[in-house]
C-alpha cells in the first residue's frame, strides 16, 4: 500500500471545487493507493518517466510514483486545458 502526499497546488485546487467533484477526485486518488499504475493511467510524455495522469471527468490528476519508498505524490490537479 502506498502513502499519498499532496502538493500545495493540489490542496488549494481541491478547496476551490464543488464538494461532489472533490469526493469523486479523492475516490479516484484512493484507488491509486493499492494500484498506482492502473489501466486508465497514462504516462505523461515529455516529463520524467515517473509522472502519470488519470482522468476524472474534465479534470486531470498528475502524480509521481516512487516504488522505493511506496509514495504517490499528487503533483497537480487541474482542468485538462491547464494541466499540462
N, C-alpha and C. Protein backbone atom coordinates (compact mmCIF):
# COMPACT_ATOMS: atom_id res chain seq x y z
N UNK A 1 0.84 -1.18 0.00
CA UNK A 1 0.00 0.00 0.00
C UNK A 1 0.89 1.25 0.00
N UNK A 2 0.51 2.22 -0.79
CA UNK A 2 1.28 3.44 -0.95
C UNK A 2 0.72 4.57 -0.09
N UNK A 3 1.60 5.42 0.41
CA UNK A 3 1.18 6.65 1.07
C UNK A 3 0.94 7.69 -0.01
N UNK A 4 0.07 8.65 0.28
CA UNK A 4 -0.24 9.70 -0.69
C UNK A 4 0.14 11.05 -0.11
N UNK A 5 0.91 11.81 -0.87
CA UNK A 5 1.32 13.16 -0.48
C UNK A 5 0.74 14.13 -1.51
N UNK A 6 0.25 15.27 -1.03
CA UNK A 6 -0.36 16.27 -1.90
C UNK A 6 0.51 17.51 -1.98
N UNK A 7 0.65 18.06 -3.18
CA UNK A 7 1.36 19.34 -3.34
C UNK A 7 0.45 20.46 -2.85
N UNK A 8 1.03 21.63 -2.61
CA UNK A 8 0.25 22.79 -2.19
C UNK A 8 -0.78 23.15 -3.25
N UNK A 9 -0.38 23.07 -4.53
CA UNK A 9 -1.30 23.40 -5.62
C UNK A 9 -2.50 22.46 -5.61
N UNK A 10 -2.26 21.19 -5.40
CA UNK A 10 -3.35 20.21 -5.41
C UNK A 10 -4.34 20.48 -4.28
N UNK A 11 -3.84 20.77 -3.09
CA UNK A 11 -4.70 21.06 -1.95
C UNK A 11 -5.51 22.33 -2.21
N UNK A 12 -4.85 23.36 -2.69
CA UNK A 12 -5.52 24.63 -2.97
C UNK A 12 -6.61 24.44 -4.03
N UNK A 13 -6.31 23.69 -5.07
CA UNK A 13 -7.29 23.46 -6.13
C UNK A 13 -8.49 22.66 -5.61
N UNK A 14 -8.24 21.64 -4.80
CA UNK A 14 -9.35 20.86 -4.24
C UNK A 14 -10.27 21.72 -3.38
N UNK A 15 -9.70 22.65 -2.64
CA UNK A 15 -10.51 23.53 -1.79
C UNK A 15 -11.42 24.44 -2.60
N UNK A 16 -11.06 24.70 -3.85
CA UNK A 16 -11.85 25.61 -4.69
C UNK A 16 -12.99 24.91 -5.43
N UNK A 17 -13.05 23.60 -5.35
CA UNK A 17 -14.04 22.83 -6.13
C UNK A 17 -15.30 22.53 -5.34
N UNK A 18 -16.33 22.15 -6.06
CA UNK A 18 -17.59 21.68 -5.50
C UNK A 18 -17.35 20.38 -4.72
N UNK A 19 -18.08 20.18 -3.65
CA UNK A 19 -17.87 19.01 -2.79
C UNK A 19 -18.08 17.69 -3.52
N UNK A 20 -19.06 17.63 -4.42
CA UNK A 20 -19.29 16.39 -5.17
C UNK A 20 -18.10 16.04 -6.05
N UNK A 21 -17.54 17.04 -6.70
CA UNK A 21 -16.38 16.82 -7.55
C UNK A 21 -15.15 16.43 -6.72
N UNK A 22 -14.99 17.08 -5.58
CA UNK A 22 -13.88 16.74 -4.68
C UNK A 22 -13.98 15.28 -4.24
N UNK A 23 -15.17 14.84 -3.91
CA UNK A 23 -15.32 13.44 -3.46
C UNK A 23 -15.01 12.47 -4.60
N UNK A 24 -15.37 12.80 -5.84
CA UNK A 24 -15.03 11.94 -6.98
C UNK A 24 -13.52 11.88 -7.20
N UNK A 25 -12.87 13.04 -7.10
CA UNK A 25 -11.41 13.09 -7.30
C UNK A 25 -10.70 12.32 -6.19
N UNK A 26 -11.12 12.54 -4.94
CA UNK A 26 -10.47 11.84 -3.82
C UNK A 26 -10.71 10.33 -3.89
N UNK A 27 -11.88 9.93 -4.35
CA UNK A 27 -12.15 8.49 -4.51
C UNK A 27 -11.20 7.88 -5.53
N UNK A 28 -10.96 8.59 -6.63
CA UNK A 28 -10.03 8.10 -7.64
C UNK A 28 -8.61 8.02 -7.08
N UNK A 29 -8.21 9.04 -6.32
CA UNK A 29 -6.88 9.04 -5.72
C UNK A 29 -6.73 7.87 -4.75
N UNK A 30 -7.76 7.56 -4.00
CA UNK A 30 -7.70 6.44 -3.07
C UNK A 30 -7.51 5.10 -3.79
N UNK A 31 -8.05 4.98 -5.00
CA UNK A 31 -7.85 3.73 -5.74
C UNK A 31 -6.39 3.57 -6.15
N UNK A 32 -5.66 4.68 -6.26
CA UNK A 32 -4.25 4.61 -6.62
C UNK A 32 -3.40 4.03 -5.49
N UNK A 33 -3.90 4.14 -4.26
CA UNK A 33 -3.15 3.68 -3.09
C UNK A 33 -2.76 2.20 -3.21
N UNK A 34 -3.67 1.36 -3.70
CA UNK A 34 -3.40 -0.07 -3.83
C UNK A 34 -2.73 -0.43 -5.15
N UNK A 35 -3.08 0.29 -6.20
CA UNK A 35 -2.53 0.00 -7.53
C UNK A 35 -2.23 1.33 -8.23
N UNK A 36 -1.02 1.87 -8.05
CA UNK A 36 -0.72 3.21 -8.55
C UNK A 36 -0.70 3.36 -10.07
N UNK A 37 -0.43 2.28 -10.79
CA UNK A 37 -0.45 2.37 -12.25
C UNK A 37 -1.58 1.47 -12.72
N UNK A 38 -2.72 2.11 -13.00
CA UNK A 38 -3.93 1.39 -13.36
C UNK A 38 -4.12 1.34 -14.86
N UNK A 39 -5.15 0.64 -15.29
CA UNK A 39 -5.42 0.51 -16.73
C UNK A 39 -5.72 1.85 -17.38
N UNK A 40 -6.27 2.80 -16.63
CA UNK A 40 -6.57 4.11 -17.21
C UNK A 40 -5.50 5.17 -16.90
N UNK A 41 -4.41 4.76 -16.26
CA UNK A 41 -3.28 5.67 -16.02
C UNK A 41 -2.45 5.76 -17.29
N UNK A 42 -2.00 6.97 -17.57
CA UNK A 42 -1.14 7.15 -18.75
C UNK A 42 0.10 7.92 -18.34
N UNK A 43 1.21 7.53 -18.91
CA UNK A 43 2.47 8.23 -18.67
C UNK A 43 2.40 9.58 -19.38
N UNK A 44 2.84 10.64 -18.70
CA UNK A 44 2.84 11.97 -19.31
C UNK A 44 4.12 12.12 -20.11
N UNK A 45 3.98 12.27 -21.40
CA UNK A 45 5.15 12.37 -22.28
C UNK A 45 5.81 13.73 -22.14
N UNK A 46 7.13 13.75 -22.27
CA UNK A 46 7.87 15.00 -22.19
C UNK A 46 8.29 15.36 -20.78
N UNK A 47 7.92 14.54 -19.81
CA UNK A 47 8.31 14.75 -18.42
C UNK A 47 9.10 13.53 -17.97
N UNK A 48 9.42 13.48 -16.68
CA UNK A 48 10.17 12.31 -16.23
C UNK A 48 9.32 11.04 -16.33
N UNK A 49 9.97 9.91 -16.31
CA UNK A 49 9.28 8.64 -16.54
C UNK A 49 8.38 8.22 -15.38
N UNK A 50 8.42 8.91 -14.26
CA UNK A 50 7.60 8.55 -13.11
C UNK A 50 6.29 9.34 -13.05
N UNK A 51 6.06 10.26 -14.00
CA UNK A 51 4.87 11.11 -13.97
C UNK A 51 3.74 10.47 -14.78
N UNK A 52 2.60 10.29 -14.11
CA UNK A 52 1.43 9.69 -14.73
C UNK A 52 0.24 10.63 -14.56
N UNK A 53 -0.83 10.29 -15.29
CA UNK A 53 -2.06 11.05 -15.13
C UNK A 53 -3.25 10.12 -15.22
N UNK A 54 -4.30 10.50 -14.50
CA UNK A 54 -5.59 9.82 -14.61
C UNK A 54 -6.66 10.90 -14.79
N UNK A 55 -7.75 10.48 -15.37
CA UNK A 55 -8.84 11.39 -15.69
C UNK A 55 -9.99 11.22 -14.72
N UNK A 56 -10.59 12.35 -14.33
CA UNK A 56 -11.85 12.35 -13.61
C UNK A 56 -12.70 13.41 -14.29
N UNK A 57 -13.55 13.00 -15.21
CA UNK A 57 -14.34 13.96 -16.00
C UNK A 57 -13.41 14.84 -16.82
N UNK A 58 -13.58 16.16 -16.69
CA UNK A 58 -12.75 17.13 -17.41
C UNK A 58 -11.46 17.44 -16.67
N UNK A 59 -11.21 16.80 -15.56
CA UNK A 59 -10.05 17.10 -14.72
C UNK A 59 -8.98 16.02 -14.86
N UNK A 60 -7.74 16.44 -14.64
CA UNK A 60 -6.61 15.52 -14.69
C UNK A 60 -5.88 15.55 -13.36
N UNK A 61 -5.48 14.39 -12.90
CA UNK A 61 -4.66 14.26 -11.69
C UNK A 61 -3.28 13.83 -12.17
N UNK A 62 -2.28 14.67 -11.96
CA UNK A 62 -0.91 14.34 -12.33
C UNK A 62 -0.20 13.87 -11.08
N UNK A 63 0.47 12.73 -11.16
CA UNK A 63 1.11 12.18 -9.97
C UNK A 63 2.38 11.43 -10.33
N UNK A 64 3.28 11.37 -9.35
CA UNK A 64 4.53 10.62 -9.48
C UNK A 64 4.48 9.43 -8.54
N UNK A 65 5.06 8.33 -8.98
CA UNK A 65 5.10 7.11 -8.18
C UNK A 65 6.55 6.83 -7.82
N UNK A 66 6.81 6.66 -6.52
CA UNK A 66 8.14 6.27 -6.06
C UNK A 66 8.02 4.90 -5.39
N UNK A 67 8.40 3.87 -6.11
CA UNK A 67 8.25 2.50 -5.61
C UNK A 67 9.23 2.19 -4.47
N UNK A 68 10.35 2.88 -4.42
CA UNK A 68 11.35 2.59 -3.38
C UNK A 68 10.82 2.88 -1.99
N UNK A 69 10.04 3.96 -1.85
CA UNK A 69 9.53 4.33 -0.52
C UNK A 69 8.00 4.23 -0.46
N UNK A 70 7.39 3.64 -1.50
CA UNK A 70 5.93 3.46 -1.56
C UNK A 70 5.16 4.76 -1.32
N UNK A 71 5.48 5.77 -2.13
CA UNK A 71 4.81 7.07 -2.02
C UNK A 71 4.29 7.49 -3.39
N UNK A 72 3.06 7.99 -3.38
CA UNK A 72 2.48 8.63 -4.56
C UNK A 72 2.39 10.11 -4.24
N UNK A 73 3.00 10.93 -5.07
CA UNK A 73 2.95 12.38 -4.88
C UNK A 73 1.98 12.96 -5.89
N UNK A 74 0.91 13.56 -5.38
CA UNK A 74 -0.05 14.23 -6.26
C UNK A 74 0.55 15.58 -6.60
N UNK A 75 1.02 15.72 -7.82
CA UNK A 75 1.75 16.91 -8.25
C UNK A 75 0.80 18.04 -8.59
N UNK A 76 -0.26 17.72 -9.34
CA UNK A 76 -1.17 18.77 -9.80
C UNK A 76 -2.53 18.18 -10.09
N UNK A 77 -3.57 18.96 -9.80
CA UNK A 77 -4.94 18.63 -10.19
C UNK A 77 -5.47 19.87 -10.88
N UNK A 78 -5.98 19.70 -12.09
CA UNK A 78 -6.47 20.87 -12.83
C UNK A 78 -7.35 20.41 -13.98
N UNK A 79 -8.01 21.37 -14.62
CA UNK A 79 -8.76 21.06 -15.84
C UNK A 79 -7.78 20.64 -16.92
N UNK A 80 -8.25 19.87 -17.85
CA UNK A 80 -7.38 19.34 -18.90
C UNK A 80 -6.64 20.44 -19.63
N UNK A 81 -7.32 21.54 -19.93
CA UNK A 81 -6.71 22.62 -20.71
C UNK A 81 -5.56 23.30 -19.99
N UNK A 82 -5.52 23.18 -18.66
CA UNK A 82 -4.48 23.86 -17.87
C UNK A 82 -3.50 22.90 -17.21
N UNK A 83 -3.76 21.62 -17.29
CA UNK A 83 -2.98 20.65 -16.52
C UNK A 83 -1.58 20.42 -17.04
N UNK A 84 -1.36 20.61 -18.34
CA UNK A 84 -0.08 20.22 -18.92
C UNK A 84 0.83 21.39 -19.16
